[in-house]
C-alpha atoms as a PDB file:
ATOM      1  CA  MET A   1     -13.283  17.050  27.170  1.00  0.00           C
ATOM      2  CA  ALA A   2     -14.815  13.762  26.002  1.00  0.00           C
ATOM      3  CA  PRO A   3     -13.236  12.213  22.901  1.00  0.00           C
ATOM      4  CA  THR A   4     -15.122  12.554  19.630  1.00  0.00           C
ATOM      5  CA  ASN A   5     -17.526   9.689  19.071  1.00  0.00           C
ATOM      6  CA  ASN A   6     -16.129   8.811  15.651  1.00  0.00           C
ATOM      7  CA  PHE A   7     -17.629   5.321  15.671  1.00  0.00           C
ATOM      8  CA  GLY A   8     -21.129   6.562  16.464  1.00  0.00           C
ATOM      9  CA  ILE A   9     -20.911   9.363  13.888  1.00  0.00           C
ATOM     10  CA  ALA A  10     -19.875   6.931  11.148  1.00  0.00           C
ATOM     11  CA  LEU A  11     -22.430   4.303  12.183  1.00  0.00           C
ATOM     12  CA  ARG A  12     -25.342   6.726  12.144  1.00  0.00           C
ATOM     13  CA  GLY A  13     -24.259   8.338   8.882  1.00  0.00           C
ATOM     14  CA  TRP A  14     -24.003   5.031   7.072  1.00  0.00           C
ATOM     15  CA  ARG A  15     -27.245   3.749   8.602  1.00  0.00           C
ATOM     16  CA  GLU A  16     -29.132   6.781   7.341  1.00  0.00           C
ATOM     17  CA  ARG A  17     -27.458   6.461   3.944  1.00  0.00           C
ATOM     18  CA  LEU A  18     -28.514   2.865   3.253  1.00  0.00           C
ATOM     19  CA  SER A  19     -31.985   2.469   1.794  1.00  0.00           C
ATOM     20  CA  PRO A  20     -34.155  -0.387   3.111  1.00  0.00           C
ATOM     21  CA  LEU A  21     -34.267  -1.965  -0.329  1.00  0.00           C
ATOM     22  CA  ALA A  22     -30.472  -1.898  -0.606  1.00  0.00           C
ATOM     23  CA  GLY A  23     -30.316  -3.466   2.824  1.00  0.00           C
ATOM     24  CA  GLY A  24     -32.631  -6.278   1.783  1.00  0.00           C
ATOM     25  CA  LEU A  25     -35.734  -4.940   3.523  1.00  0.00           C
ATOM     26  CA  GLU A  26     -39.094  -3.833   2.232  1.00  0.00           C
ATOM     27  CA  SER A  27     -39.548  -0.086   1.887  1.00  0.00           C
ATOM     28  CA  ALA A  28     -42.558   1.617   3.487  1.00  0.00           C
ATOM     29  CA  ALA A  29     -44.208   4.750   2.149  1.00  0.00           C
ATOM     30  CA  ASP A  30     -44.543   6.401   5.569  1.00  0.00           C
ATOM     31  CA  ARG A  31     -40.851   6.392   6.473  1.00  0.00           C
ATOM     32  CA  ARG A  32     -39.587   9.672   7.952  1.00  0.00           C
ATOM     33  CA  ILE A  33     -35.954   8.952   7.051  1.00  0.00           C
ATOM     34  CA  PRO A  34     -34.627   7.496   3.789  1.00  0.00           C
ATOM     35  CA  GLY A  35     -32.222   5.126   5.514  1.00  0.00           C
ATOM     36  CA  LEU A  36     -32.490   2.256   7.945  1.00  0.00           C
ATOM     37  CA  ARG A  37     -34.092   2.550  11.358  1.00  0.00           C
ATOM     38  CA  ARG A  38     -31.989   1.501  14.324  1.00  0.00           C
ATOM     39  CA  GLU A  39     -34.137  -1.572  14.898  1.00  0.00           C
ATOM     40  CA  GLU A  40     -33.670  -2.588  11.255  1.00  0.00           C
ATOM     41  CA  LEU A  41     -29.889  -2.294  11.460  1.00  0.00           C
ATOM     42  CA  ALA A  42     -29.958  -4.216  14.739  1.00  0.00           C
ATOM     43  CA  ARG A  43     -31.929  -7.027  13.109  1.00  0.00           C
ATOM     44  CA  LEU A  44     -29.641  -7.184  10.072  1.00  0.00           C
ATOM     45  CA  ALA A  45     -26.500  -7.204  12.232  1.00  0.00           C
ATOM     46  CA  GLY A  46     -27.849  -9.574  14.894  1.00  0.00           C
ATOM     47  CA  VAL A  47     -27.387  -7.195  17.832  1.00  0.00           C
ATOM     48  CA  SER A  48     -29.827  -5.480  20.175  1.00  0.00           C
ATOM     49  CA  VAL A  49     -31.478  -2.162  19.370  1.00  0.00           C
ATOM     50  CA  ASP A  50     -30.278  -0.802  22.706  1.00  0.00           C
ATOM     51  CA  TYR A  51     -26.679  -1.616  21.755  1.00  0.00           C
ATOM     52  CA  VAL A  52     -26.991   0.222  18.427  1.00  0.00           C
ATOM     53  CA  VAL A  53     -28.400   3.248  20.311  1.00  0.00           C
ATOM     54  CA  ARG A  54     -25.534   3.174  22.832  1.00  0.00           C
ATOM     55  CA  LEU A  55     -22.943   2.882  20.045  1.00  0.00           C
ATOM     56  CA  GLU A  56     -24.385   5.830  18.145  1.00  0.00           C
ATOM     57  CA  GLN A  57     -24.592   7.947  21.299  1.00  0.00           C
ATOM     58  CA  GLY A  58     -21.069   7.049  22.411  1.00  0.00           C
ATOM     59  CA  ARG A  59     -22.191   5.302  25.602  1.00  0.00           C
ATOM     60  CA  ALA A  60     -20.662   2.068  24.244  1.00  0.00           C
ATOM     61  CA  ARG A  61     -17.223   2.547  22.697  1.00  0.00           C
ATOM     62  CA  ASN A  62     -15.555  -0.851  22.564  1.00  0.00           C
ATOM     63  CA  PRO A  63     -17.482  -3.150  20.221  1.00  0.00           C
ATOM     64  CA  SER A  64     -15.874  -6.478  19.414  1.00  0.00           C
ATOM     65  CA  ALA A  65     -14.433  -7.305  16.004  1.00  0.00           C
ATOM     66  CA  GLN A  66     -17.380  -9.672  15.473  1.00  0.00           C
ATOM     67  CA  VAL A  67     -19.891  -6.857  16.086  1.00  0.00           C
ATOM     68  CA  VAL A  68     -18.033  -4.411  13.831  1.00  0.00           C
ATOM     69  CA  THR A  69     -17.873  -7.053  11.085  1.00  0.00           C
ATOM     70  CA  ALA A  70     -21.617  -7.694  11.393  1.00  0.00           C
ATOM     71  CA  LEU A  71     -22.422  -3.971  11.290  1.00  0.00           C
ATOM     72  CA  ALA A  72     -20.157  -3.400   8.282  1.00  0.00           C
ATOM     73  CA  ARG A  73     -21.807  -6.291   6.428  1.00  0.00           C
ATOM     74  CA  ALA A  74     -25.305  -5.064   7.279  1.00  0.00           C
ATOM     75  CA  LEU A  75     -24.430  -1.541   6.119  1.00  0.00           C
ATOM     76  CA  ARG A  76     -22.938  -2.810   2.827  1.00  0.00           C
ATOM     77  CA  LEU A  77     -19.668  -0.974   3.485  1.00  0.00           C
ATOM     78  CA  ASP A  78     -16.844  -1.163   0.970  1.00  0.00           C
ATOM     79  CA  THR A  79     -13.353  -2.174   2.123  1.00  0.00           C
ATOM     80  CA  SER A  80     -12.088   1.321   2.939  1.00  0.00           C
ATOM     81  CA  GLU A  81     -15.265   2.159   4.885  1.00  0.00           C
ATOM     82  CA  ARG A  82     -15.138  -1.146   6.755  1.00  0.00           C
ATOM     83  CA  ASP A  83     -11.514  -0.507   7.699  1.00  0.00           C
ATOM     84  CA  HIS A  84     -12.421   2.996   8.893  1.00  0.00           C
ATOM     85  CA  LEU A  85     -15.153   1.562  11.116  1.00  0.00           C
ATOM     86  CA  PHE A  86     -12.654  -0.869  12.632  1.00  0.00           C
ATOM     87  CA  ARG A  87     -10.191   1.928  13.338  1.00  0.00           C
ATOM     88  CA  CYS A  88     -12.946   4.028  14.922  1.00  0.00           C
ATOM     89  CA  ALA A  89     -13.467   1.083  17.289  1.00  0.00           C
ATOM     90  CA  ASN A  90      -9.709   1.029  18.039  1.00  0.00           C
ATOM     91  CA  LEU A  91      -9.404  -2.323  16.266  1.00  0.00           C
ATOM     92  CA  ALA A  92      -7.044  -3.410  13.510  1.00  0.00           C
ATOM     93  CA  PRO A  93      -8.851  -3.824  10.166  1.00  0.00           C
ATOM     94  CA  PRO A  94      -9.252  -7.411   8.942  1.00  0.00           C
ATOM     95  CA  SER A  95      -6.360  -8.839   7.006  1.00  0.00           C
ATOM     96  CA  GLY A  96      -6.695  -9.072   3.257  1.00  0.00           C
ATOM     97  CA  GLY A  97      -6.412 -12.161   1.071  1.00  0.00           C
ATOM     98  CA  ALA A  98      -4.044 -11.854  -1.864  1.00  0.00           C
ATOM     99  CA  ILE A  99      -1.915  -8.768  -2.441  1.00  0.00           C
ATOM    100  CA  PRO A 100      -3.497  -6.672  -5.227  1.00  0.00           C
ATOM    101  CA  MET A 101      -1.433  -6.644  -8.416  1.00  0.00           C
ATOM    102  CA  HIS A 102      -3.999  -4.791 -10.528  1.00  0.00           C
ATOM    103  CA  VAL A 103      -3.115  -1.221 -11.484  1.00  0.00           C
ATOM    104  CA  PRO A 104      -6.307   0.875 -11.751  1.00  0.00           C
ATOM    105  CA  PRO A 105      -6.769   2.913 -14.957  1.00  0.00           C
ATOM    106  CA  GLY A 106      -6.387   6.162 -13.014  1.00  0.00           C
ATOM    107  CA  VAL A 107      -2.975   5.081 -11.708  1.00  0.00           C
ATOM    108  CA  HIS A 108      -1.925   4.033 -15.226  1.00  0.00           C
ATOM    109  CA  ARG A 109      -2.868   7.484 -16.501  1.00  0.00           C
ATOM    110  CA  LEU A 110      -0.987   9.174 -13.671  1.00  0.00           C
ATOM    111  CA  VAL A 111       2.177   7.183 -14.370  1.00  0.00           C
ATOM    112  CA  GLN A 112       2.104   8.086 -18.052  1.00  0.00           C
ATOM    113  CA  GLN A 113       1.259  11.746 -17.426  1.00  0.00           C
ATOM    114  CA  LEU A 114       4.224  12.057 -15.059  1.00  0.00           C
ATOM    115  CA  GLY A 115       6.383  11.504 -18.106  1.00  0.00           C
ATOM    116  CA  ASP A 116       9.031  14.034 -17.074  1.00  0.00           C
ATOM    117  CA  ALA A 117      10.136  11.795 -14.203  1.00  0.00           C
ATOM    118  CA  PRO A 118      11.024   8.109 -13.884  1.00  0.00           C
ATOM    119  CA  VAL A 119       7.927   6.534 -12.282  1.00  0.00           C
ATOM    120  CA  GLY A 120       7.306   2.911 -11.326  1.00  0.00           C
ATOM    121  CA  VAL A 121       4.412   1.215  -9.555  1.00  0.00           C
ATOM    122  CA  TYR A 122       5.041  -1.560  -7.043  1.00  0.00           C
ATOM    123  CA  ALA A 123       2.599  -3.917  -5.367  1.00  0.00           C
ATOM    124  CA  ALA A 124       2.663  -4.064  -1.566  1.00  0.00           C
ATOM    125  CA  ASP A 125       5.256  -6.871  -1.656  1.00  0.00           C
ATOM    126  CA  TRP A 126       7.540  -4.737  -3.884  1.00  0.00           C
ATOM    127  CA  THR A 127       6.763  -6.508  -7.130  1.00  0.00           C
ATOM    128  CA  LEU A 128       7.175  -3.996  -9.965  1.00  0.00           C
ATOM    129  CA  VAL A 129       3.903  -3.989 -11.896  1.00  0.00           C
ATOM    130  CA  SER A 130       4.085  -0.854 -14.083  1.00  0.00           C
ATOM    131  CA  TRP A 131       6.535   1.836 -15.200  1.00  0.00           C
ATOM    132  CA  ASN A 132       6.875   4.662 -17.729  1.00  0.00           C
ATOM    133  CA  ARG A 133       9.395   5.336 -20.479  1.00  0.00           C
ATOM    134  CA  MET A 134      11.543   7.583 -18.305  1.00  0.00           C
ATOM    135  CA  TRP A 135      11.931   4.772 -15.770  1.00  0.00           C
ATOM    136  CA  THR A 136      13.437   2.623 -18.512  1.00  0.00           C
ATOM    137  CA  ALA A 137      15.635   5.499 -19.705  1.00  0.00           C
ATOM    138  CA  ALA A 138      17.005   6.230 -16.227  1.00  0.00           C
ATOM    139  CA  ILE A 139      17.183   2.814 -14.591  1.00  0.00           C
ATOM    140  CA  GLY A 140      17.015   0.398 -17.509  1.00  0.00           C
ATOM    141  CA  ASP A 141      14.324  -1.897 -18.821  1.00  0.00           C
ATOM    142  CA  PRO A 142      12.844  -3.806 -15.846  1.00  0.00           C
ATOM    143  CA  ARG A 143      12.534  -6.867 -18.052  1.00  0.00           C
ATOM    144  CA  THR A 144      16.332  -7.114 -17.873  1.00  0.00           C
ATOM    145  CA  TYR A 145      16.501  -6.938 -14.068  1.00  0.00           C
ATOM    146  CA  ASP A 146      17.674 -10.095 -12.378  1.00  0.00           C
ATOM    147  CA  TRP A 147      14.692 -10.147  -9.986  1.00  0.00           C
ATOM    148  CA  ASP A 148      12.739 -13.309  -9.305  1.00  0.00           C
ATOM    149  CA  ARG A 149       9.172 -12.643 -10.561  1.00  0.00           C
ATOM    150  CA  GLY A 150       9.896  -8.927 -10.775  1.00  0.00           C
ATOM    151  CA  ASN A 151      10.251  -8.528  -7.016  1.00  0.00           C
ATOM    152  CA  LEU A 152      12.683  -5.868  -5.740  1.00  0.00           C
ATOM    153  CA  VAL A 153      13.269  -7.558  -2.379  1.00  0.00           C
ATOM    154  CA  ALA A 154      14.007 -10.883  -4.082  1.00  0.00           C
ATOM    155  CA  GLY A 155      16.498  -9.110  -6.338  1.00  0.00           C
ATOM    156  CA  MET A 156      18.106  -7.230  -3.480  1.00  0.00           C
ATOM    157  CA  PHE A 157      18.710 -10.350  -1.406  1.00  0.00           C
ATOM    158  CA  ARG A 158      19.739 -12.776  -4.098  1.00  0.00           C
ATOM    159  CA  SER A 159      22.848 -14.460  -2.799  1.00  0.00           C
ATOM    160  CA  SER A 160      26.413 -13.975  -3.980  1.00  0.00           C
ATOM    161  CA  GLY A 161      28.668 -15.521  -1.388  1.00  0.00           C
ATOM    162  CA  GLY A 162      26.524 -14.082   1.389  1.00  0.00           C
ATOM    163  CA  HIS A 163      26.972 -10.512   0.155  1.00  0.00           C
ATOM    164  CA  ARG A 164      24.789  -8.145  -1.820  1.00  0.00           C
ATOM    165  CA  VAL A 165      25.375  -8.354  -5.545  1.00  0.00           C
ATOM    166  CA  ASP A 166      26.766  -5.296  -7.332  1.00  0.00           C
ATOM    167  CA  SER A 167      23.494  -4.147  -8.870  1.00  0.00           C
ATOM    168  CA  ILE A 168      19.784  -4.727  -8.369  1.00  0.00           C
ATOM    169  CA  ALA A 169      18.804  -3.074 -11.652  1.00  0.00           C
ATOM    170  CA  ALA A 170      20.102  -2.838 -15.228  1.00  0.00           C
ATOM    171  CA  TRP A 171      23.085  -0.878 -13.901  1.00  0.00           C
ATOM    172  CA  PRO A 172      24.301  -0.006 -10.387  1.00  0.00           C
ATOM    173  CA  VAL A 173      21.918   2.024  -8.216  1.00  0.00           C
ATOM    174  CA  ARG A 174      23.280   3.100  -4.826  1.00  0.00           C
ATOM    175  CA  SER A 175      21.407   4.375  -1.787  1.00  0.00           C
ATOM    176  CA  TRP A 176      22.952   7.346  -0.012  1.00  0.00           C
ATOM    177  CA  ALA A 177      21.797   5.815   3.260  1.00  0.00           C
ATOM    178  CA  GLY A 178      23.881   2.730   2.508  1.00  0.00           C
ATOM    179  CA  ASP A 179      22.976  -0.844   1.601  1.00  0.00           C
ATOM    180  CA  GLU A 180      22.215  -1.857   5.191  1.00  0.00           C
ATOM    181  CA  ALA A 181      19.788   1.009   5.840  1.00  0.00           C
ATOM    182  CA  GLU A 182      18.049   0.513   2.504  1.00  0.00           C
ATOM    183  CA  GLU A 183      17.652  -3.208   3.080  1.00  0.00           C
ATOM    184  CA  GLU A 184      16.395  -2.710   6.637  1.00  0.00           C
ATOM    185  CA  SER A 185      13.798  -0.167   5.449  1.00  0.00           C
ATOM    186  CA  LEU A 186      12.450  -2.457   2.741  1.00  0.00           C
ATOM    187  CA  VAL A 187      12.330  -5.495   5.037  1.00  0.00           C
ATOM    188  CA  ALA A 188      10.455  -3.422   7.633  1.00  0.00           C
ATOM    189  CA  ASP A 189       7.985  -2.406   4.914  1.00  0.00           C
ATOM    190  CA  LEU A 190       7.600  -6.033   3.814  1.00  0.00           C
ATOM    191  CA  ARG A 191       6.819  -6.999   7.410  1.00  0.00           C
ATOM    192  CA  VAL A 192       3.907  -4.534   7.433  1.00  0.00           C
ATOM    193  CA  THR A 193       2.629  -6.144   4.237  1.00  0.00           C
ATOM    194  CA  ALA A 194       3.042  -9.649   5.661  1.00  0.00           C
ATOM    195  CA  ALA A 195       0.882  -8.687   8.643  1.00  0.00           C
ATOM    196  CA  ALA A 196      -1.769  -7.166   6.372  1.00  0.00           C
ATOM    197  CA  TYR A 197      -1.819 -10.156   3.978  1.00  0.00           C
ATOM    198  CA  PRO A 198      -1.042 -13.268   6.054  1.00  0.00           C
ATOM    199  CA  ASP A 199      -2.851 -15.522   3.554  1.00  0.00           C
ATOM    200  CA  ASP A 200      -0.952 -14.383   0.457  1.00  0.00           C
ATOM    201  CA  ALA A 201       0.796 -17.543  -0.755  1.00  0.00           C
ATOM    202  CA  ARG A 202       3.231 -15.681  -3.021  1.00  0.00           C
ATOM    203  CA  LEU A 203       4.504 -13.509  -0.172  1.00  0.00           C
ATOM    204  CA  THR A 204       4.688 -16.454   2.228  1.00  0.00           C
ATOM    205  CA  LEU A 205       6.862 -18.368  -0.242  1.00  0.00           C
ATOM    206  CA  LEU A 206       9.090 -15.334  -0.852  1.00  0.00           C
ATOM    207  CA  VAL A 207       9.757 -14.770   2.843  1.00  0.00           C
ATOM    208  CA  ASP A 208      10.328 -18.478   3.503  1.00  0.00           C
ATOM    209  CA  ARG A 209      12.782 -18.787   0.614  1.00  0.00           C
ATOM    210  CA  LEU A 210      14.744 -15.685   1.626  1.00  0.00           C
ATOM    211  CA  LEU A 211      14.920 -16.854   5.228  1.00  0.00           C
ATOM    212  CA  HIS A 212      16.632 -20.015   3.989  1.00  0.00           C
ATOM    213  CA  THR A 213      18.852 -18.502   1.296  1.00  0.00           C
ATOM    214  CA  SER A 214      19.864 -15.050   2.591  1.00  0.00           C
ATOM    215  CA  PRO A 215      21.482 -14.653   6.031  1.00  0.00           C
ATOM    216  CA  ARG A 216      21.183 -10.872   5.596  1.00  0.00           C
ATOM    217  CA  PHE A 217      17.430 -11.077   5.092  1.00  0.00           C
ATOM    218  CA  ALA A 218      17.023 -13.562   7.949  1.00  0.00           C
ATOM    219  CA  ARG A 219      18.895 -11.252  10.340  1.00  0.00           C
ATOM    220  CA  LEU A 220      16.829  -8.203   9.376  1.00  0.00           C
ATOM    221  CA  TRP A 221      13.567 -10.166   9.447  1.00  0.00           C
ATOM    222  CA  SER A 222      14.308 -11.434  12.940  1.00  0.00           C
ATOM    223  CA  ASN A 223      14.805  -7.945  14.432  1.00  0.00           C
ATOM    224  CA  GLY A 224      11.058  -7.227  14.214  1.00  0.00           C
ATOM    225  CA  SER A 225      11.301  -3.753  12.653  1.00  0.00           C
ATOM    226  CA  ALA A 226       8.113  -2.623  10.911  1.00  0.00           C
ATOM    227  CA  GLY A 227       7.354   0.562   9.002  1.00  0.00           C
ATOM    228  CA  LEU A 228       6.650   1.941   5.548  1.00  0.00           C
ATOM    229  CA  HIS A 229       9.530   2.696   3.183  1.00  0.00           C
ATOM    230  CA  ALA A 230       8.963   6.408   2.557  1.00  0.00           C
ATOM    231  CA  GLY A 231      11.862   7.388   0.307  1.00  0.00           C
ATOM    232  CA  ASP A 232      15.591   7.592  -0.303  1.00  0.00           C
ATOM    233  CA  ARG A 233      18.266   9.353  -2.315  1.00  0.00           C
ATOM    234  CA  LYS A 234      19.959   7.297  -5.001  1.00  0.00           C
ATOM    235  CA  THR A 235      22.971   7.602  -7.254  1.00  0.00           C
ATOM    236  CA  ILE A 236      22.471   5.800 -10.546  1.00  0.00           C
ATOM    237  CA  GLU A 237      25.654   4.827 -12.376  1.00  0.00           C
ATOM    238  CA  HIS A 238      24.116   5.566 -15.760  1.00  0.00           C
ATOM    239  CA  PRO A 239      25.964   4.226 -18.830  1.00  0.00           C
ATOM    240  CA  VAL A 240      25.148   7.323 -20.933  1.00  0.00           C
ATOM    241  CA  VAL A 241      25.070  10.423 -18.691  1.00  0.00           C
ATOM    242  CA  GLY A 242      27.278   9.169 -15.863  1.00  0.00           C
ATOM    243  CA  ASP A 243      26.399   9.376 -12.176  1.00  0.00           C
ATOM    244  CA  LEU A 244      22.850  10.626 -11.699  1.00  0.00           C
ATOM    245  CA  THR A 245      21.742  11.525  -8.172  1.00  0.00           C
ATOM    246  CA  LEU A 246      17.979  11.587  -7.704  1.00  0.00           C
ATOM    247  CA  ASP A 247      15.535  11.795  -4.817  1.00  0.00           C
ATOM    248  CA  LEU A 248      13.165   8.844  -4.498  1.00  0.00           C
ATOM    249  CA  ASP A 249       9.692   9.399  -3.052  1.00  0.00           C
ATOM    250  CA  VAL A 250       7.115   6.694  -2.368  1.00  0.00           C
ATOM    251  CA  LEU A 251       3.444   7.636  -2.756  1.00  0.00           C
ATOM    252  CA  MET A 252       0.725   5.299  -1.493  1.00  0.00           C
ATOM    253  CA  VAL A 253      -2.442   4.549  -3.482  1.00  0.00           C
ATOM    254  CA  PRO A 254      -5.409   4.414  -1.065  1.00  0.00           C
ATOM    255  CA  GLY A 255      -7.441   1.237  -1.227  1.00  0.00           C
ATOM    256  CA  SER A 256      -4.927  -0.813  -3.179  1.00  0.00           C
ATOM    257  CA  ASP A 257      -1.640  -0.693  -1.198  1.00  0.00           C
ATOM    258  CA  LEU A 258       0.211   0.125  -4.422  1.00  0.00           C
ATOM    259  CA  ARG A 259       3.428   2.127  -4.087  1.00  0.00           C
ATOM    260  CA  ILE A 260       4.131   4.775  -6.730  1.00  0.00           C
ATOM    261  CA  VAL A 261       7.884   5.401  -6.788  1.00  0.00           C
ATOM    262  CA  VAL A 262       8.977   8.711  -8.324  1.00  0.00           C
ATOM    263  CA  TYR A 263      12.556   9.826  -9.028  1.00  0.00           C
ATOM    264  CA  THR A 264      13.225  13.581  -9.228  1.00  0.00           C
ATOM    265  CA  ALA A 265      16.300  15.807  -9.487  1.00  0.00           C
ATOM    266  CA  VAL A 266      16.955  19.021  -7.588  1.00  0.00           C
ATOM    267  CA  ALA A 267      16.287  21.942  -9.945  1.00  0.00           C
ATOM    268  CA  GLY A 268      19.328  23.773 -11.316  1.00  0.00           C
ATOM    269  CA  THR A 269      21.762  20.910 -10.716  1.00  0.00           C
ATOM    270  CA  ASP A 270      23.840  18.869 -13.141  1.00  0.00           C
ATOM    271  CA  ASP A 271      21.563  15.957 -12.263  1.00  0.00           C
ATOM    272  CA  ALA A 272      18.528  17.907 -13.481  1.00  0.00           C
ATOM    273  CA  GLU A 273      20.335  18.698 -16.733  1.00  0.00           C
ATOM    274  CA  ASN A 274      21.304  15.059 -17.196  1.00  0.00           C
ATOM    275  CA  LEU A 275      17.723  13.976 -16.516  1.00  0.00           C
ATOM    276  CA  ASP A 276      16.579  16.524 -19.132  1.00  0.00           C
ATOM    277  CA  ALA A 277      19.030  14.979 -21.598  1.00  0.00           C
ATOM    278  CA  LEU A 278      17.645  11.512 -20.945  1.00  0.00           C
ATOM    279  CA  ARG A 279      14.114  12.840 -21.363  1.00  0.00           C
ATOM    280  CA  ALA A 280      14.971  14.449 -24.692  1.00  0.00           C
ATOM    281  CA  ALA A 281      16.495  11.189 -25.945  1.00  0.00           C
ATOM    282  CA  CYS A 282      13.597   9.166 -24.589  1.00  0.00           C
ATOM    283  CA  TYR A 283      10.894  11.188 -26.371  1.00  0.00           C
ATOM    284  CA  ARG A 284      12.846  12.007 -29.532  1.00  0.00           C
END
């Protein structure tokens, strides 16, 4: 069975969606379709009409990155659509510029509406950019964290005689997987971000500084591991309710590379009761 012609399906759909006026062409009254003709797309993208036909029909399946870029520009695709077109061509999407730090209004609302749980929002380089009241109640006020520029990785690898410092938050927070596994997972995630944003000056400086100041980071960075940090289980040494064991889940925000980190307790446990107590004090 022949593979699905995902590239051709997307190309034709977006071609027929774009009006001639939106594409910078004059509209004619006798058009049979509302979108662009193949010859019009070919002219806008600087390729042959025959090539557009072969792409749409699946007889050509390996366009170059230059051709995909030209087609995406001609079709006025947004970033997520452009990236989809690249993936349909079995190509890596173009790298971004600076890592987005903006938190969209919808994400802000979500963080506040998830008020029963500690929720924080991180940029792709693990800079904490937003949090709710329960985050402060459970893990302390992030403004008191000893993190350079609010970056978790910078805080985790700040040097203390070559070893990890006792706490990376307002009070000790321990990973059940162990310090080494947690650090390796976050460095692997940061490597994915570094590949996606090679021109981000802030991230470049962070990695360069840690390579020179943290042997632990340098060793993990050199092993080449890459992958998203999906979650963990943590024990928080809370100064009010005592040890608090919570599951940590990382949710991705499409189109922005933001990470929403949510802490939850297993229902019916002492940890759930202690989290309820913190919530009651937080919203009193």
